[in-house]
Amino acid sequence: MVDFLSNTLAKEVMTRDVVCVYPRTGLKELSSIFIENEISGVPVLDDEGKVVGFVTQTDLVEQDLHTEDFRESRTEETGGFVQDIMVPDALFALETDSLGTIIEKMCTERIHRLIILDASEKVAGIVTTMDVMCYLRKSYQRA
């Protein structure tokens, strides 16, 4: 099993078509993106396509629940943008990292998804806990 986890690369497990947003994406648009794509989180990119954060449905809910929070006053002023609620320190791995490394990072950080970057530090994919489970099931069925 250890060899399997070491020899399987992130690019073999990841979902390649990643929906991304920008800091100035409106919160209503973000909500629509989540619903239309049946996803719960997206990377946030700058104008050069570099990852500057991550935003989830939970971030939207927390923004709605914390009305006396600093972010609330900012969203009242701006109408609400992703930059107002995103987590700026997005975690990532490289597409050449092993599945073992991906699982270790997800467990250690207690996260359900990990952005995968290519050699030029652009988004190449995303690995979710569901991606890992489905890949393991498929691999087990082949064995």
N, C-alpha and C. Protein backbone atom coordinates (compact mmCIF):
# COMPACT_ATOMS: atom_id res chain seq x y z
N MET A 1 0.83 -1.20 0.00
CA MET A 1 0.00 0.00 0.00
C MET A 1 0.87 1.26 0.00
N VAL A 2 1.99 1.23 0.76
CA VAL A 2 2.88 2.38 0.82
C VAL A 2 3.44 2.68 -0.57
N ASP A 3 3.84 1.62 -1.30
CA ASP A 3 4.36 1.81 -2.66
C ASP A 3 3.29 2.44 -3.55
N PHE A 4 2.06 1.97 -3.42
CA PHE A 4 0.96 2.50 -4.21
C PHE A 4 0.80 4.00 -3.96
N LEU A 5 0.81 4.39 -2.68
CA LEU A 5 0.65 5.81 -2.33
C LEU A 5 1.84 6.64 -2.79
N SER A 6 3.02 6.06 -2.78
CA SER A 6 4.22 6.78 -3.20
C SER A 6 4.34 6.89 -4.70
N ASN A 7 3.84 5.89 -5.41
CA ASN A 7 3.99 5.84 -6.87
C ASN A 7 2.84 6.47 -7.64
N THR A 8 1.77 6.80 -6.97
CA THR A 8 0.63 7.45 -7.62
C THR A 8 0.80 8.96 -7.47
N LEU A 9 0.72 9.67 -8.58
CA LEU A 9 0.91 11.13 -8.56
C LEU A 9 -0.42 11.87 -8.49
N ALA A 10 -0.35 13.08 -7.97
CA ALA A 10 -1.55 13.92 -7.86
C ALA A 10 -2.26 14.06 -9.21
N LYS A 11 -1.49 14.20 -10.29
CA LYS A 11 -2.09 14.40 -11.61
C LYS A 11 -2.90 13.19 -12.07
N GLU A 12 -2.71 12.03 -11.44
CA GLU A 12 -3.49 10.84 -11.78
C GLU A 12 -4.83 10.81 -11.03
N VAL A 13 -4.93 11.57 -9.97
CA VAL A 13 -6.10 11.54 -9.10
C VAL A 13 -6.97 12.79 -9.25
N MET A 14 -6.35 13.90 -9.60
CA MET A 14 -7.02 15.20 -9.57
C MET A 14 -8.13 15.34 -10.60
N THR A 15 -9.05 16.23 -10.30
CA THR A 15 -10.04 16.70 -11.25
C THR A 15 -9.39 17.85 -12.01
N ARG A 16 -9.40 17.78 -13.32
CA ARG A 16 -8.67 18.75 -14.12
C ARG A 16 -9.45 20.04 -14.41
N ASP A 17 -10.73 19.94 -14.62
CA ASP A 17 -11.53 21.13 -14.96
C ASP A 17 -11.94 21.83 -13.67
N VAL A 18 -11.16 22.83 -13.29
CA VAL A 18 -11.38 23.53 -12.02
C VAL A 18 -12.04 24.88 -12.29
N VAL A 19 -13.14 25.09 -11.63
CA VAL A 19 -13.81 26.39 -11.69
C VAL A 19 -13.05 27.32 -10.75
N CYS A 20 -12.68 28.50 -11.23
CA CYS A 20 -11.95 29.48 -10.42
C CYS A 20 -12.69 30.81 -10.47
N VAL A 21 -12.43 31.64 -9.48
CA VAL A 21 -13.02 32.99 -9.45
C VAL A 21 -11.90 33.99 -9.17
N TYR A 22 -12.27 35.26 -9.17
CA TYR A 22 -11.32 36.35 -8.95
C TYR A 22 -11.73 37.14 -7.71
N PRO A 23 -10.82 37.88 -7.11
CA PRO A 23 -11.13 38.64 -5.90
C PRO A 23 -12.35 39.55 -6.05
N ARG A 24 -12.55 40.11 -7.24
CA ARG A 24 -13.68 41.04 -7.44
C ARG A 24 -14.95 40.35 -7.96
N THR A 25 -14.98 39.02 -7.92
CA THR A 25 -16.22 38.31 -8.25
C THR A 25 -17.23 38.62 -7.15
N GLY A 26 -18.44 38.99 -7.54
CA GLY A 26 -19.48 39.31 -6.57
C GLY A 26 -19.95 38.08 -5.81
N LEU A 27 -20.42 38.29 -4.58
CA LEU A 27 -20.86 37.17 -3.75
C LEU A 27 -22.11 36.49 -4.31
N LYS A 28 -22.99 37.26 -4.94
CA LYS A 28 -24.17 36.63 -5.56
C LYS A 28 -23.75 35.75 -6.73
N GLU A 29 -22.80 36.22 -7.52
CA GLU A 29 -22.28 35.42 -8.62
C GLU A 29 -21.59 34.16 -8.08
N LEU A 30 -20.83 34.31 -7.01
CA LEU A 30 -20.16 33.17 -6.39
C LEU A 30 -21.18 32.12 -5.96
N SER A 31 -22.24 32.55 -5.34
CA SER A 31 -23.29 31.63 -4.91
C SER A 31 -23.87 30.88 -6.11
N SER A 32 -24.11 31.58 -7.19
CA SER A 32 -24.62 30.95 -8.42
C SER A 32 -23.63 29.94 -8.98
N ILE A 33 -22.34 30.27 -8.93
CA ILE A 33 -21.29 29.36 -9.42
C ILE A 33 -21.31 28.06 -8.62
N PHE A 34 -21.43 28.17 -7.30
CA PHE A 34 -21.48 26.98 -6.46
C PHE A 34 -22.68 26.10 -6.84
N ILE A 35 -23.84 26.73 -6.99
CA ILE A 35 -25.06 25.98 -7.29
C ILE A 35 -25.01 25.36 -8.69
N GLU A 36 -24.66 26.15 -9.69
CA GLU A 36 -24.65 25.68 -11.07
C GLU A 36 -23.64 24.56 -11.32
N ASN A 37 -22.51 24.61 -10.62
CA ASN A 37 -21.45 23.63 -10.83
C ASN A 37 -21.46 22.50 -9.80
N GLU A 38 -22.39 22.59 -8.85
CA GLU A 38 -22.51 21.59 -7.78
C GLU A 38 -21.17 21.37 -7.07
N ILE A 39 -20.56 22.49 -6.67
CA ILE A 39 -19.29 22.47 -5.95
C ILE A 39 -19.43 23.29 -4.68
N SER A 40 -18.46 23.14 -3.78
CA SER A 40 -18.56 23.86 -2.51
C SER A 40 -17.35 24.75 -2.22
N GLY A 41 -16.41 24.83 -3.15
CA GLY A 41 -15.26 25.69 -2.95
C GLY A 41 -14.51 25.91 -4.25
N VAL A 42 -13.85 27.07 -4.36
CA VAL A 42 -13.10 27.40 -5.58
C VAL A 42 -11.83 28.17 -5.24
N PRO A 43 -10.77 27.96 -6.04
CA PRO A 43 -9.58 28.79 -5.90
C PRO A 43 -9.88 30.21 -6.37
N VAL A 44 -9.18 31.16 -5.79
CA VAL A 44 -9.28 32.56 -6.18
C VAL A 44 -7.96 32.94 -6.85
N LEU A 45 -8.06 33.48 -8.08
CA LEU A 45 -6.87 33.80 -8.87
C LEU A 45 -6.70 35.29 -9.06
N ASP A 46 -5.44 35.73 -9.19
CA ASP A 46 -5.18 37.12 -9.56
C ASP A 46 -5.22 37.23 -11.08
N ASP A 47 -4.94 38.40 -11.60
CA ASP A 47 -5.03 38.63 -13.05
C ASP A 47 -4.03 37.81 -13.85
N GLU A 48 -2.95 37.36 -13.21
CA GLU A 48 -1.95 36.53 -13.90
C GLU A 48 -2.25 35.04 -13.78
N GLY A 49 -3.33 34.70 -13.10
CA GLY A 49 -3.70 33.30 -12.95
C GLY A 49 -3.04 32.59 -11.78
N LYS A 50 -2.42 33.34 -10.89
CA LYS A 50 -1.79 32.76 -9.69
C LYS A 50 -2.84 32.68 -8.58
N VAL A 51 -2.74 31.63 -7.78
CA VAL A 51 -3.68 31.44 -6.68
C VAL A 51 -3.38 32.45 -5.57
N VAL A 52 -4.42 33.20 -5.17
CA VAL A 52 -4.28 34.17 -4.08
C VAL A 52 -5.18 33.83 -2.89
N GLY A 53 -5.98 32.77 -3.03
CA GLY A 53 -6.85 32.39 -1.93
C GLY A 53 -7.78 31.27 -2.33
N PHE A 54 -8.69 30.98 -1.41
CA PHE A 54 -9.70 29.95 -1.63
C PHE A 54 -10.96 30.43 -0.94
N VAL A 55 -12.11 30.13 -1.52
CA VAL A 55 -13.38 30.53 -0.92
C VAL A 55 -14.36 29.36 -1.00
N THR A 56 -15.13 29.18 0.07
CA THR A 56 -16.06 28.06 0.15
C THR A 56 -17.48 28.53 0.47
N GLN A 57 -18.41 27.59 0.36
CA GLN A 57 -19.78 27.89 0.76
C GLN A 57 -19.83 28.27 2.24
N THR A 58 -18.99 27.64 3.04
CA THR A 58 -18.94 27.96 4.47
C THR A 58 -18.56 29.41 4.69
N ASP A 59 -17.62 29.92 3.88
CA ASP A 59 -17.25 31.34 3.99
C ASP A 59 -18.45 32.24 3.72
N LEU A 60 -19.28 31.86 2.75
CA LEU A 60 -20.50 32.63 2.45
C LEU A 60 -21.46 32.61 3.63
N VAL A 61 -21.66 31.43 4.20
CA VAL A 61 -22.58 31.29 5.33
C VAL A 61 -22.07 32.08 6.53
N GLU A 62 -20.78 31.96 6.82
CA GLU A 62 -20.21 32.70 7.95
C GLU A 62 -20.34 34.20 7.76
N GLN A 63 -20.18 34.65 6.54
CA GLN A 63 -20.33 36.08 6.26
C GLN A 63 -21.75 36.53 6.57
N ASP A 64 -22.73 35.70 6.23
CA ASP A 64 -24.13 36.04 6.50
C ASP A 64 -24.45 36.02 7.99
N LEU A 65 -23.78 35.14 8.74
CA LEU A 65 -24.09 34.99 10.16
C LEU A 65 -23.42 36.00 11.08
N HIS A 66 -22.31 36.58 10.64
CA HIS A 66 -21.55 37.48 11.50
C HIS A 66 -21.74 38.92 11.06
N THR A 67 -22.87 39.48 11.42
CA THR A 67 -23.24 40.81 10.94
C THR A 67 -22.43 41.94 11.57
N GLU A 68 -21.83 41.73 12.73
CA GLU A 68 -21.06 42.79 13.36
C GLU A 68 -19.57 42.63 13.11
N ASP A 69 -19.24 41.76 12.24
CA ASP A 69 -17.85 41.45 11.88
C ASP A 69 -17.31 42.54 10.95
N PHE A 70 -16.00 42.71 10.91
CA PHE A 70 -15.36 43.68 10.02
C PHE A 70 -15.75 43.43 8.57
N ARG A 71 -15.82 42.14 8.19
CA ARG A 71 -16.15 41.82 6.80
C ARG A 71 -17.54 42.33 6.44
N GLU A 72 -18.44 42.35 7.39
CA GLU A 72 -19.80 42.82 7.12
C GLU A 72 -19.77 44.28 6.69
N SER A 73 -19.03 45.10 7.40
CA SER A 73 -19.00 46.52 7.03
C SER A 73 -18.37 46.70 5.65
N ARG A 74 -17.39 45.86 5.31
CA ARG A 74 -16.77 45.95 3.99
C ARG A 74 -17.76 45.51 2.91
N THR A 75 -18.55 44.48 3.17
CA THR A 75 -19.48 44.02 2.14
C THR A 75 -20.61 45.02 1.95
N GLU A 76 -20.98 45.74 3.01
CA GLU A 76 -21.99 46.77 2.85
C GLU A 76 -21.48 47.87 1.93
N GLU A 77 -20.21 48.21 2.07
CA GLU A 77 -19.62 49.27 1.25
C GLU A 77 -19.44 48.84 -0.21
N THR A 78 -19.04 47.60 -0.43
CA THR A 78 -18.68 47.15 -1.78
C THR A 78 -19.77 46.38 -2.49
N GLY A 79 -20.78 45.94 -1.77
CA GLY A 79 -21.78 45.06 -2.37
C GLY A 79 -21.40 43.61 -2.18
N GLY A 80 -20.21 43.37 -1.70
CA GLY A 80 -19.77 42.03 -1.39
C GLY A 80 -18.99 41.38 -2.51
N PHE A 81 -17.73 41.14 -2.27
CA PHE A 81 -16.86 40.47 -3.24
C PHE A 81 -16.16 39.30 -2.58
N VAL A 82 -15.68 38.41 -3.41
CA VAL A 82 -14.93 37.25 -2.92
C VAL A 82 -13.78 37.71 -2.03
N GLN A 83 -13.09 38.77 -2.40
CA GLN A 83 -11.95 39.25 -1.61
C GLN A 83 -12.33 39.58 -0.17
N ASP A 84 -13.61 39.85 0.08
CA ASP A 84 -14.07 40.19 1.42
C ASP A 84 -14.19 38.97 2.32
N ILE A 85 -14.32 37.77 1.74
CA ILE A 85 -14.57 36.59 2.57
C ILE A 85 -13.60 35.44 2.34
N MET A 86 -12.75 35.53 1.31
CA MET A 86 -11.86 34.41 0.97
C MET A 86 -10.81 34.20 2.06
N VAL A 87 -10.28 32.98 2.09
CA VAL A 87 -9.14 32.66 2.93
C VAL A 87 -7.91 32.91 2.06
N PRO A 88 -7.05 33.86 2.45
CA PRO A 88 -5.95 34.23 1.57
C PRO A 88 -4.81 33.21 1.50
N ASP A 89 -4.70 32.34 2.45
CA ASP A 89 -3.60 31.38 2.46
C ASP A 89 -4.08 30.01 1.99
N ALA A 90 -4.27 29.87 0.69
CA ALA A 90 -4.74 28.61 0.13
C ALA A 90 -3.63 27.56 0.19
N LEU A 91 -4.00 26.36 0.55
CA LEU A 91 -3.03 25.25 0.56
C LEU A 91 -3.02 24.60 -0.81
N PHE A 92 -1.86 24.12 -1.21
CA PHE A 92 -1.74 23.50 -2.51
C PHE A 92 -0.67 22.42 -2.49
N ALA A 93 -0.65 21.64 -3.56
CA ALA A 93 0.39 20.64 -3.80
C ALA A 93 0.73 20.73 -5.28
N LEU A 94 1.78 20.05 -5.68
CA LEU A 94 2.18 20.02 -7.08
C LEU A 94 1.63 18.76 -7.75
N GLU A 95 1.42 18.83 -9.05
CA GLU A 95 0.85 17.68 -9.76
C GLU A 95 1.80 16.49 -9.75
N THR A 96 3.05 16.71 -9.41
CA THR A 96 4.03 15.62 -9.32
C THR A 96 4.18 15.08 -7.90
N ASP A 97 3.45 15.64 -6.94
CA ASP A 97 3.47 15.12 -5.57
C ASP A 97 2.75 13.78 -5.53
N SER A 98 3.16 12.94 -4.60
CA SER A 98 2.55 11.61 -4.49
C SER A 98 1.19 11.69 -3.81
N LEU A 99 0.40 10.65 -4.05
CA LEU A 99 -0.90 10.55 -3.39
C LEU A 99 -0.70 10.49 -1.88
N GLY A 100 0.36 9.83 -1.43
CA GLY A 100 0.67 9.80 0.00
C GLY A 100 0.88 11.19 0.57
N THR A 101 1.59 12.04 -0.16
CA THR A 101 1.82 13.42 0.26
C THR A 101 0.51 14.19 0.32
N ILE A 102 -0.33 13.99 -0.69
CA ILE A 102 -1.64 14.67 -0.74
C ILE A 102 -2.49 14.27 0.47
N ILE A 103 -2.59 12.96 0.72
CA ILE A 103 -3.40 12.48 1.84
C ILE A 103 -2.84 13.00 3.16
N GLU A 104 -1.53 12.96 3.32
CA GLU A 104 -0.90 13.46 4.56
C GLU A 104 -1.24 14.94 4.78
N LYS A 105 -1.15 15.75 3.74
CA LYS A 105 -1.44 17.18 3.87
C LYS A 105 -2.91 17.40 4.20
N MET A 106 -3.80 16.66 3.54
CA MET A 106 -5.23 16.82 3.80
C MET A 106 -5.57 16.42 5.24
N CYS A 107 -4.97 15.35 5.73
CA CYS A 107 -5.23 14.89 7.10
C CYS A 107 -4.64 15.85 8.13
N THR A 108 -3.40 16.25 7.91
CA THR A 108 -2.72 17.14 8.85
C THR A 108 -3.43 18.49 8.94
N GLU A 109 -3.82 19.03 7.80
CA GLU A 109 -4.47 20.34 7.76
C GLU A 109 -5.99 20.27 7.97
N ARG A 110 -6.53 19.04 7.99
CA ARG A 110 -7.97 18.81 8.18
C ARG A 110 -8.79 19.56 7.12
N ILE A 111 -8.41 19.32 5.85
CA ILE A 111 -9.10 19.96 4.73
C ILE A 111 -9.68 18.90 3.80
N HIS A 112 -10.68 19.28 3.04
CA HIS A 112 -11.38 18.35 2.15
C HIS A 112 -10.99 18.50 0.69
N ARG A 113 -10.17 19.48 0.40
CA ARG A 113 -9.75 19.70 -0.99
C ARG A 113 -8.39 20.38 -1.01
N LEU A 114 -7.64 20.10 -2.06
CA LEU A 114 -6.30 20.65 -2.18
C LEU A 114 -6.08 21.08 -3.61
N ILE A 115 -5.69 22.33 -3.81
CA ILE A 115 -5.40 22.86 -5.14
C ILE A 115 -4.11 22.21 -5.63
N ILE A 116 -4.10 21.79 -6.89
CA ILE A 116 -2.92 21.20 -7.49
C ILE A 116 -2.36 22.17 -8.53
N LEU A 117 -1.07 22.50 -8.39
CA LEU A 117 -0.41 23.44 -9.29
C LEU A 117 0.52 22.71 -10.25
N ASP A 118 0.68 23.28 -11.45
CA ASP A 118 1.65 22.75 -12.40
C ASP A 118 3.01 23.40 -12.14
N ALA A 119 3.98 23.11 -13.00
CA ALA A 119 5.35 23.62 -12.81
C ALA A 119 5.43 25.15 -12.86
N SER A 120 4.48 25.79 -13.55
CA SER A 120 4.48 27.26 -13.63
C SER A 120 3.61 27.90 -12.54
N GLU A 121 3.21 27.09 -11.56
CA GLU A 121 2.41 27.55 -10.42
C GLU A 121 1.01 28.01 -10.81
N LYS A 122 0.50 27.46 -11.90
CA LYS A 122 -0.89 27.72 -12.31
C LYS A 122 -1.75 26.53 -11.87
N VAL A 123 -3.04 26.76 -11.72
CA VAL A 123 -3.94 25.69 -11.31
C VAL A 123 -4.00 24.62 -12.39
N ALA A 124 -3.64 23.40 -12.01
CA ALA A 124 -3.69 22.25 -12.93
C ALA A 124 -4.89 21.38 -12.60
N GLY A 125 -5.33 21.43 -11.35
CA GLY A 125 -6.45 20.59 -10.92
C GLY A 125 -6.75 20.81 -9.46
N ILE A 126 -7.60 19.93 -8.95
CA ILE A 126 -7.96 19.96 -7.54
C ILE A 126 -8.17 18.51 -7.12
N VAL A 127 -7.75 18.18 -5.91
CA VAL A 127 -8.01 16.86 -5.35
C VAL A 127 -8.91 17.04 -4.15
N THR A 128 -10.03 16.36 -4.17
CA THR A 128 -10.96 16.37 -3.04
C THR A 128 -10.92 15.02 -2.35
N THR A 129 -11.49 14.95 -1.17
CA THR A 129 -11.55 13.66 -0.49
C THR A 129 -12.33 12.66 -1.34
N MET A 130 -13.33 13.12 -2.06
CA MET A 130 -14.11 12.23 -2.93
C MET A 130 -13.24 11.72 -4.08
N ASP A 131 -12.37 12.57 -4.65
CA ASP A 131 -11.45 12.12 -5.70
C ASP A 131 -10.56 10.99 -5.19
N VAL A 132 -10.04 11.15 -3.97
CA VAL A 132 -9.17 10.13 -3.38
C VAL A 132 -9.95 8.83 -3.19
N MET A 133 -11.13 8.92 -2.62
CA MET A 133 -11.95 7.72 -2.37
C MET A 133 -12.28 7.00 -3.67
N CYS A 134 -12.69 7.72 -4.69
CA CYS A 134 -13.06 7.10 -5.97
C CYS A 134 -11.83 6.48 -6.64
N TYR A 135 -10.69 7.14 -6.55
CA TYR A 135 -9.47 6.59 -7.13
C TYR A 135 -9.06 5.30 -6.42
N LEU A 136 -9.14 5.29 -5.10
CA LEU A 136 -8.81 4.09 -4.33
C LEU A 136 -9.77 2.95 -4.66
N ARG A 137 -11.05 3.25 -4.77
CA ARG A 137 -12.04 2.22 -5.11
C ARG A 137 -11.74 1.63 -6.49
N LYS A 138 -11.49 2.50 -7.46
CA LYS A 138 -11.19 2.05 -8.83
C LYS A 138 -9.92 1.20 -8.85
N SER A 139 -8.90 1.62 -8.13
CA SER A 139 -7.65 0.87 -8.08
C SER A 139 -7.82 -0.47 -7.40
N TYR A 140 -8.63 -0.51 -6.35
CA TYR A 140 -8.91 -1.75 -5.64
C TYR A 140 -9.67 -2.74 -6.53
N GLN A 141 -10.61 -2.22 -7.32
CA GLN A 141 -11.39 -3.08 -8.22
C GLN A 141 -10.53 -3.69 -9.32
N ARG A 142 -9.48 -2.97 -9.74
CA ARG A 142 -8.56 -3.48 -10.77
C ARG A 142 -7.66 -4.58 -10.23
N ALA A 143 -7.37 -4.51 -8.93
CA ALA A 143 -6.41 -5.47 -8.33
C ALA A 143 -6.97 -6.85 -8.16
